Amino acid sequence: MNDLHKDFINAIQEKRKVALHFFSKEDGSVLKRTCAPLDYGPSRRAREKNDRYHFWDYDSDTRVHVLSLNPEQVKSIMVLDEVFDPKEFITWDVRKSPWFFERNWGEYS
């Protein structure tokens, strides 16, 4: 497991926001966003079923705030001191759509 992936997993466990640098296919450049790490695994919406990093994007300028990125798109993840509360953004039933990566988020686990 590389350091980037370890930082992502630790941020999930500690419910800490991250500063994410990623290559945006839409913009054709590297963008920086403040995010909450959500999960690592295949996207339920994408055609490709490869493992991806999933984030809640606090800086999104669109209605959709979930970023699902292929590993090669993620350039860096810096874990921040700021914590997040999963109830800020989890609106789905996690029993019906469970996480791929286990965590202890109480009712949102």
Protein backbone atom coordinates (compact mmCIF):
# COMPACT_ATOMS: atom_id res chain seq x y z
CA MET A 1 0.00 0.00 0.00
CA ASN A 2 1.51 3.36 -0.99
CA ASP A 3 1.58 6.47 1.20
CA LEU A 4 -1.18 8.22 -0.73
CA HIS A 5 -3.52 5.28 -0.18
CA LYS A 6 -2.52 5.01 3.51
CA ASP A 7 -3.27 8.71 4.01
CA PHE A 8 -6.66 8.27 2.32
CA ILE A 9 -7.59 5.30 4.53
CA ASN A 10 -6.37 7.05 7.70
CA ALA A 11 -8.43 10.13 6.81
CA ILE A 12 -11.53 7.93 6.48
CA GLN A 13 -10.87 6.33 9.88
CA GLU A 14 -10.20 9.67 11.58
CA LYS A 15 -12.98 11.55 9.70
CA ARG A 16 -10.49 14.19 8.60
CA LYS A 17 -10.81 16.41 5.55
CA VAL A 18 -8.11 16.29 2.89
CA ALA A 19 -6.55 18.71 0.44
CA LEU A 20 -6.80 16.81 -2.84
CA HIS A 21 -4.84 17.53 -6.01
CA PHE A 22 -6.19 15.61 -8.98
CA PHE A 23 -6.14 15.65 -12.76
CA SER A 24 -9.52 16.76 -14.04
CA LYS A 25 -10.32 15.16 -17.39
CA GLU A 26 -13.04 17.77 -17.89
CA ASP A 27 -10.69 20.72 -17.34
CA GLY A 28 -7.54 19.10 -18.71
CA SER A 29 -5.51 20.32 -15.72
CA VAL A 30 -4.71 19.57 -12.08
CA LEU A 31 -7.24 21.00 -9.62
CA LYS A 32 -7.14 21.40 -5.84
CA ARG A 33 -10.20 20.69 -3.71
CA THR A 34 -11.04 20.35 -0.05
CA CYS A 35 -12.78 17.00 0.36
CA ALA A 36 -14.00 14.34 2.73
CA PRO A 37 -12.73 10.88 1.77
CA LEU A 38 -15.67 8.53 1.27
CA ASP A 39 -14.54 5.15 -0.01
CA TYR A 40 -12.23 3.16 -2.23
CA GLY A 41 -13.79 0.65 -4.61
CA PRO A 42 -15.70 0.40 -7.87
CA SER A 43 -18.18 3.11 -8.80
CA ARG A 44 -21.79 2.04 -8.84
CA ARG A 45 -22.46 4.57 -11.63
CA ALA A 46 -19.45 4.27 -13.94
CA ARG A 47 -19.28 1.86 -16.84
CA GLU A 48 -15.80 0.77 -15.79
CA LYS A 49 -15.91 -1.25 -12.58
CA ASN A 50 -12.31 -0.62 -11.53
CA ASP A 51 -11.44 0.59 -8.03
CA ARG A 52 -11.57 4.36 -7.59
CA TYR A 53 -11.15 6.95 -4.90
CA HIS A 54 -14.46 8.54 -3.88
CA PHE A 55 -14.60 11.96 -2.23
CA TRP A 56 -17.19 14.49 -1.12
CA ASP A 57 -16.07 17.75 -2.75
CA TYR A 58 -16.76 20.75 -0.51
CA ASP A 59 -15.55 23.12 -3.24
CA SER A 60 -17.74 21.78 -6.06
CA ASP A 61 -19.42 24.41 -8.22
CA THR A 62 -22.03 21.91 -9.42
CA ARG A 63 -24.99 20.23 -7.77
CA VAL A 64 -23.11 16.91 -7.69
CA HIS A 65 -20.47 16.92 -4.98
CA VAL A 66 -19.14 13.36 -5.29
CA LEU A 67 -15.80 12.94 -7.06
CA SER A 68 -14.96 9.43 -8.24
CA LEU A 69 -11.40 9.33 -9.49
CA ASN A 70 -9.24 6.67 -11.07
CA PRO A 71 -6.06 6.19 -9.02
CA GLU A 72 -3.86 7.71 -11.76
CA GLN A 73 -5.89 10.95 -11.57
CA VAL A 74 -5.04 11.47 -7.87
CA LYS A 75 -1.80 13.45 -7.66
CA SER A 76 -1.63 14.08 -3.91
CA ILE A 77 -3.66 13.85 -0.71
CA MET A 78 -2.77 15.92 2.33
CA VAL A 79 -4.69 15.08 5.50
CA LEU A 80 -5.94 18.25 7.20
CA ASP A 81 -6.55 18.92 10.89
CA GLU A 82 -10.21 19.71 10.19
CA VAL A 83 -12.69 16.91 10.89
CA PHE A 84 -15.97 16.27 9.08
CA ASP A 85 -19.28 14.85 10.22
CA PRO A 86 -20.68 12.22 7.82
CA LYS A 87 -24.22 13.49 8.43
CA GLU A 88 -23.22 16.62 6.46
CA PHE A 89 -23.52 14.72 3.19
CA ILE A 90 -24.67 11.10 3.61
CA THR A 91 -28.28 10.99 2.47
CA TRP A 92 -28.44 7.36 1.33
CA ASP A 93 -29.03 4.16 3.26
CA VAL A 94 -25.55 2.68 3.80
CA ARG A 95 -27.13 -0.71 4.55
CA LYS A 96 -28.54 -0.84 0.99
CA SER A 97 -25.39 0.67 -0.55
CA PRO A 98 -22.64 -0.43 1.83
CA TRP A 99 -19.10 0.90 1.87
CA PHE A 100 -16.33 -1.13 0.28
CA PHE A 101 -13.90 -0.09 3.00
CA GLU A 102 -14.97 -0.68 6.61
CA ARG A 103 -15.07 2.24 9.02
CA ASN A 104 -16.52 3.21 12.38
CA TRP A 105 -18.86 6.09 11.54
CA GLY A 106 -21.70 5.03 13.82
CA GLU A 107 -25.03 4.96 11.97
CA TYR A 108 -23.17 5.87 8.76
CA SER A 109 -20.86 2.83 8.88
